[in-house]
């Protein structure tokens, strides 16, 4: 029996979260075209005949001196220290840049336990050879473990999983067969609301918001939830509410639609907006949100 913890790393928008969802066959991580959507170490569990792989999706590694970004990088670095294997996800549609160089340097000491997945091979602009050449140059020990995949179509996923199991250590499963993630209910609901919000708001606003679950009450098969979308400035509240309350209504209804796919309960969502001035620079909030 094989069992291993696999940390997923890559630069923002490489498709790490989409790949995790495809590997697990369930929606484990929220996805968006907005870079650095992932703020936590998200666990996704894959059970196969060979054993169990526990994937840990991490925030995209982005070079920045902002306090929130440094906190995100801490999450990624800690996950790398504690894992059995590393799944390095590259974007086949983008040329390597400074961020890719930084990640490759970080993985050199971990090369023997690293497997590379060159993602987005379903896109016409994909260039697998360019990504593999970069791997061969920067982390030569990984070049024979470089897989062409598409998180959207599933191309190459089976071969990638087989290689991960081949490299995984022997051990007993950490979770039962029924598990595909270990996230608690409140966290999953908050993440779904955040996903629906950031996919509908202006480009600069998604990084300025988070979701706080203020209260939850389960009665039989009915779950009542009160949640707040927190923005940094008073002027941003209007963007989230929208004209005549249309935006907040759209976010609420789309979140409920997604939550229905995950939970069997009938969910009543009371969704509001409030300001948490400059929350991205407040340590106690970052500590609560990012781990």
Protein backbone atom coordinates (compact mmCIF):
# COMPACT_ATOMS: atom_id res chain seq x y z
CA UNK A 1 0.00 0.00 0.00
CA UNK A 2 1.32 3.43 -0.99
CA UNK A 3 0.50 6.66 0.82
CA UNK A 4 2.12 10.03 0.30
CA UNK A 5 1.62 13.77 0.73
CA UNK A 6 2.10 15.66 -2.54
CA UNK A 7 2.61 19.43 -2.49
CA UNK A 8 1.49 21.21 -5.66
CA UNK A 9 3.54 24.28 -6.58
CA UNK A 10 3.67 26.63 -9.53
CA UNK A 11 3.32 30.26 -10.45
CA UNK A 12 -0.07 32.01 -10.34
CA UNK A 13 -2.65 30.90 -12.94
CA UNK A 14 -0.74 27.76 -13.95
CA UNK A 15 -3.91 25.76 -13.30
CA UNK A 16 -2.93 24.09 -10.03
CA UNK A 17 -6.39 24.22 -8.47
CA UNK A 18 -8.12 23.05 -11.65
CA UNK A 19 -5.66 20.16 -11.80
CA UNK A 20 -6.35 19.25 -8.18
CA UNK A 21 -10.09 19.13 -8.88
CA UNK A 22 -9.51 16.88 -11.89
CA UNK A 23 -7.25 14.56 -9.87
CA UNK A 24 -9.85 14.25 -7.11
CA UNK A 25 -12.86 14.05 -9.39
CA UNK A 26 -14.61 16.61 -7.16
CA UNK A 27 -14.56 20.36 -6.57
CA UNK A 28 -11.96 20.69 -3.84
CA UNK A 29 -10.41 24.07 -4.66
CA UNK A 30 -12.03 27.20 -6.05
CA UNK A 31 -10.81 28.38 -9.44
CA UNK A 32 -10.56 31.72 -11.19
CA UNK A 33 -8.65 33.50 -13.93
CA UNK A 34 -7.59 35.98 -11.24
CA UNK A 35 -4.00 35.18 -10.13
CA UNK A 36 -3.43 34.00 -6.54
CA UNK A 37 -7.01 32.93 -5.92
CA UNK A 38 -5.71 30.16 -3.63
CA UNK A 39 -4.82 31.52 -0.19
CA UNK A 40 -4.50 28.33 1.86
CA UNK A 41 -2.97 24.88 1.73
CA UNK A 42 -5.96 23.00 0.31
CA UNK A 43 -6.00 19.21 0.70
CA UNK A 44 -7.44 16.91 -1.95
CA UNK A 45 -7.44 13.14 -1.44
CA UNK A 46 -7.12 10.55 -4.20
CA UNK A 47 -7.84 6.90 -3.42
CA UNK A 48 -6.81 4.24 -5.93
CA UNK A 49 -5.95 0.53 -5.89
CA UNK A 50 -2.32 1.45 -5.30
CA UNK A 51 -3.14 3.42 -2.15
CA UNK A 52 -3.77 7.06 -1.25
CA UNK A 53 -2.29 10.37 -2.36
CA UNK A 54 -3.00 13.49 -0.31
CA UNK A 55 -2.45 16.53 -2.54
CA UNK A 56 -1.81 19.94 -1.00
CA UNK A 57 -2.63 22.83 -3.33
CA UNK A 58 -0.63 25.94 -2.42
CA UNK A 59 -0.85 29.65 -3.36
CA UNK A 60 0.86 30.56 -6.63
CA UNK A 61 4.40 31.72 -6.00
CA UNK A 62 4.61 35.38 -6.91
CA UNK A 63 7.50 37.78 -6.28
CA UNK A 64 6.17 40.65 -4.12
CA UNK A 65 7.01 42.43 -0.88
CA UNK A 66 3.39 42.89 0.19
CA UNK A 67 2.58 41.45 3.60
CA UNK A 68 -0.22 39.21 2.31
CA UNK A 69 2.01 37.80 -0.43
CA UNK A 70 4.78 37.01 2.07
CA UNK A 71 2.20 35.14 4.15
CA UNK A 72 1.07 33.18 1.09
CA UNK A 73 4.66 32.22 0.34
CA UNK A 74 5.08 30.97 3.91
CA UNK A 75 2.17 28.59 3.33
CA UNK A 76 3.77 27.26 0.16
CA UNK A 77 7.24 26.90 1.69
CA UNK A 78 5.95 25.06 4.77
CA UNK A 79 4.01 22.61 2.58
CA UNK A 80 7.20 21.90 0.61
CA UNK A 81 9.14 21.18 3.79
CA UNK A 82 6.63 18.62 5.02
CA UNK A 83 5.75 16.69 1.83
CA UNK A 84 6.80 13.29 0.45
CA UNK A 85 6.55 14.42 -3.18
CA UNK A 86 6.34 17.67 -5.14
CA UNK A 87 4.09 18.19 -8.16
CA UNK A 88 5.49 21.15 -10.08
CA UNK A 89 2.84 22.59 -12.43
CA UNK A 90 3.98 24.69 -15.40
CA UNK A 91 1.81 26.61 -17.85
CA UNK A 92 2.48 25.35 -21.40
CA UNK A 93 1.08 28.58 -22.87
CA UNK A 94 3.51 30.97 -21.14
CA UNK A 95 7.26 31.39 -21.46
CA UNK A 96 9.30 30.94 -18.27
CA UNK A 97 9.94 34.19 -16.42
CA UNK A 98 11.36 35.44 -13.13
CA UNK A 99 8.74 33.59 -11.09
CA UNK A 100 9.45 30.31 -12.89
CA UNK A 101 13.17 30.79 -12.28
CA UNK A 102 12.52 31.35 -8.56
CA UNK A 103 10.41 28.20 -8.28
CA UNK A 104 12.95 26.09 -10.16
CA UNK A 105 15.73 27.27 -7.85
CA UNK A 106 13.58 26.41 -4.84
CA UNK A 107 13.03 22.87 -6.16
CA UNK A 108 16.66 21.97 -6.93
CA UNK A 109 17.24 20.43 -3.46
CA UNK A 110 13.92 18.57 -3.84
CA UNK A 111 14.58 17.34 -7.38
CA UNK A 112 14.59 13.62 -6.55
CA UNK A 113 11.05 13.80 -5.22
CA UNK A 114 9.70 16.25 -7.82
CA UNK A 115 7.46 15.41 -10.78
CA UNK A 116 6.57 18.06 -13.37
CA UNK A 117 3.17 18.51 -15.02
CA UNK A 118 3.11 20.80 -18.06
CA UNK A 119 -0.50 21.95 -18.01
CA UNK A 120 -2.94 23.48 -20.56
CA UNK A 121 -1.93 21.13 -23.38
CA UNK A 122 -5.47 21.47 -24.77
CA UNK A 123 -4.74 25.10 -25.70
CA UNK A 124 -3.48 25.79 -29.24
CA UNK A 125 -0.62 27.99 -27.94
CA UNK A 126 0.73 25.18 -25.71
CA UNK A 127 4.45 24.43 -26.11
CA UNK A 128 5.46 21.30 -24.19
CA UNK A 129 9.00 21.23 -25.56
CA UNK A 130 9.75 24.75 -24.32
CA UNK A 131 8.62 23.84 -20.80
CA UNK A 132 10.57 20.58 -20.85
CA UNK A 133 13.70 22.37 -22.09
CA UNK A 134 13.36 24.77 -19.15
CA UNK A 135 13.09 21.82 -16.74
CA UNK A 136 16.08 20.09 -18.37
CA UNK A 137 18.18 23.22 -17.97
CA UNK A 138 17.13 24.26 -14.45
CA UNK A 139 16.28 20.93 -12.75
CA UNK A 140 17.85 18.25 -14.97
CA UNK A 141 17.02 15.42 -12.55
CA UNK A 142 13.31 16.03 -13.25
CA UNK A 143 13.40 15.98 -17.06
CA UNK A 144 12.49 12.26 -17.25
CA UNK A 145 9.50 12.87 -14.99
CA UNK A 146 7.88 15.61 -17.06
CA UNK A 147 4.27 14.97 -18.14
CA UNK A 148 2.07 16.77 -20.68
CA UNK A 149 -1.38 17.22 -19.13
CA UNK A 150 -4.62 19.14 -19.43
CA UNK A 151 -6.53 19.82 -16.23
CA UNK A 152 -9.54 20.74 -18.36
CA UNK A 153 -9.78 17.59 -20.51
CA UNK A 154 -7.96 15.06 -18.32
CA UNK A 155 -5.24 14.44 -20.90
CA UNK A 156 -2.20 12.77 -19.33
CA UNK A 157 -3.74 12.58 -15.84
CA UNK A 158 -3.63 8.78 -15.53
CA UNK A 159 0.05 8.59 -16.46
CA UNK A 160 0.84 11.39 -14.02
CA UNK A 161 -1.01 9.66 -11.16
CA UNK A 162 0.74 6.35 -11.90
CA UNK A 163 4.13 8.05 -11.66
CA UNK A 164 3.17 9.73 -8.39
CA UNK A 165 2.16 6.38 -6.91
CA UNK A 166 5.41 4.84 -8.17
CA UNK A 167 7.38 7.49 -6.29
CA UNK A 168 5.17 7.55 -3.17
CA UNK A 169 6.43 5.82 -0.02
CA UNK A 170 4.86 2.71 1.48
CA UNK A 171 2.36 3.47 4.22
CA UNK A 172 -1.19 3.22 5.51
CA UNK A 173 -3.92 5.60 4.34
CA UNK A 174 -4.43 8.73 6.47
CA UNK A 175 -8.08 9.11 5.45
CA UNK A 176 -10.99 6.77 4.78
CA UNK A 177 -12.01 5.89 1.21
CA UNK A 178 -15.02 8.22 1.42
CA UNK A 179 -12.84 11.34 1.81
CA UNK A 180 -11.79 13.58 -1.08
CA UNK A 181 -10.93 16.58 1.16
CA UNK A 182 -10.74 17.40 4.88
CA UNK A 183 -12.04 20.99 4.70
CA UNK A 184 -14.72 21.93 7.21
CA UNK A 185 -18.15 23.15 6.15
CA UNK A 186 -17.64 26.83 7.01
CA UNK A 187 -14.38 27.06 5.09
CA UNK A 188 -15.88 25.44 1.98
CA UNK A 189 -18.89 27.75 2.00
CA UNK A 190 -16.69 30.83 2.44
CA UNK A 191 -14.46 29.72 -0.44
CA UNK A 192 -17.39 29.16 -2.79
CA UNK A 193 -18.79 32.61 -2.00
CA UNK A 194 -15.35 34.15 -2.56
CA UNK A 195 -14.99 32.31 -5.88
CA UNK A 196 -18.31 33.62 -7.14
CA UNK A 197 -17.47 37.14 -5.98
CA UNK A 198 -14.02 37.38 -7.54
CA UNK A 199 -15.24 35.95 -10.84
CA UNK A 200 -17.80 38.75 -11.14
CA UNK A 201 -16.00 41.82 -9.84
CA UNK A 202 -13.50 44.22 -11.38
CA UNK A 203 -9.93 43.05 -11.72
CA UNK A 204 -8.51 45.10 -8.84
CA UNK A 205 -11.22 44.18 -6.33
CA UNK A 206 -10.82 40.36 -5.89
CA UNK A 207 -7.59 40.66 -3.90
CA UNK A 208 -9.26 43.23 -1.63
CA UNK A 209 -11.96 40.93 -0.31
CA UNK A 210 -12.43 37.92 1.91
CA UNK A 211 -15.48 36.09 3.24
CA UNK A 212 -16.36 35.74 6.92
CA UNK A 213 -18.88 33.13 8.05
CA UNK A 214 -20.53 34.90 10.97
CA UNK A 215 -23.01 32.19 11.94
CA UNK A 216 -24.32 28.77 10.88
CA UNK A 217 -27.21 26.71 12.17
CA UNK A 218 -28.18 23.20 11.03
CA UNK A 219 -31.78 22.13 11.64
CA UNK A 220 -32.55 18.71 10.21
CA UNK A 221 -31.62 18.95 6.53
CA UNK A 222 -31.66 22.78 6.47
CA UNK A 223 -28.48 24.82 6.95
CA UNK A 224 -28.80 28.54 7.64
CA UNK A 225 -25.68 30.61 7.01
CA UNK A 226 -24.94 34.29 7.58
CA UNK A 227 -21.84 35.43 5.72
CA UNK A 228 -20.12 38.75 5.06
CA UNK A 229 -18.03 39.74 2.08
CA UNK A 230 -15.37 41.97 3.63
CA UNK A 231 -13.76 44.71 1.51
CA UNK A 232 -10.95 47.09 2.43
CA UNK A 233 -12.60 50.44 1.73
CA UNK A 234 -16.07 51.90 2.10
CA UNK A 235 -16.06 52.89 -1.57
CA UNK A 236 -15.73 49.21 -2.57
CA UNK A 237 -18.97 48.16 -0.90
CA UNK A 238 -21.02 49.70 -3.70
CA UNK A 239 -19.20 47.57 -6.30
CA UNK A 240 -20.07 44.39 -4.44
CA UNK A 241 -23.67 45.37 -3.78
CA UNK A 242 -24.22 46.65 -7.32
CA UNK A 243 -27.00 48.81 -8.69
CA UNK A 244 -30.21 48.01 -6.85
CA UNK A 245 -28.44 45.15 -5.08
CA UNK A 246 -28.09 43.15 -8.31
CA UNK A 247 -24.43 42.17 -7.87
CA UNK A 248 -24.75 40.80 -4.33
CA UNK A 249 -27.90 38.95 -5.43
CA UNK A 250 -26.05 37.39 -8.37
CA UNK A 251 -23.13 36.34 -6.14
CA UNK A 252 -25.53 34.83 -3.61
CA UNK A 253 -27.55 32.85 -6.14
CA UNK A 254 -24.49 31.57 -8.02
CA UNK A 255 -22.88 30.54 -4.72
CA UNK A 256 -26.01 28.63 -3.73
CA UNK A 257 -25.97 26.86 -7.11
CA UNK A 258 -22.40 25.69 -6.53
CA UNK A 259 -23.03 24.74 -2.91
CA UNK A 260 -25.95 22.56 -3.99
CA UNK A 261 -23.47 20.43 -5.96
CA UNK A 262 -21.37 19.87 -2.83
CA UNK A 263 -23.81 19.55 0.06
CA UNK A 264 -27.04 17.58 0.49
CA UNK A 265 -28.53 20.19 2.83
CA UNK A 266 -30.96 22.89 1.74
CA UNK A 267 -28.91 26.03 2.34
CA UNK A 268 -30.38 29.41 3.24
CA UNK A 269 -27.66 32.01 2.69
CA UNK A 270 -27.89 35.48 4.24
CA UNK A 271 -25.10 37.35 2.43
CA UNK A 272 -24.04 40.90 3.31
CA UNK A 273 -21.11 43.28 2.72
CA UNK A 274 -19.05 45.27 5.20
CA UNK A 275 -15.72 47.06 5.44
CA UNK A 276 -12.58 45.77 7.14
CA UNK A 277 -10.26 48.73 6.64
CA UNK A 278 -6.81 47.73 5.25
CA UNK A 279 -7.32 44.11 6.35
CA UNK A 280 -4.49 42.87 4.08
CA UNK A 281 -1.93 44.56 6.32
CA UNK A 282 -3.39 43.36 9.64
CA UNK A 283 -1.49 40.40 11.07
CA UNK A 284 -4.32 38.98 13.17
CA UNK A 285 -6.63 38.80 10.12
CA UNK A 286 -3.97 37.29 7.86
CA UNK A 287 -3.20 34.69 10.52
CA UNK A 288 -6.88 33.78 10.69
CA UNK A 289 -7.36 33.61 6.91
CA UNK A 290 -4.13 32.10 5.62
CA UNK A 291 -2.80 28.79 6.88
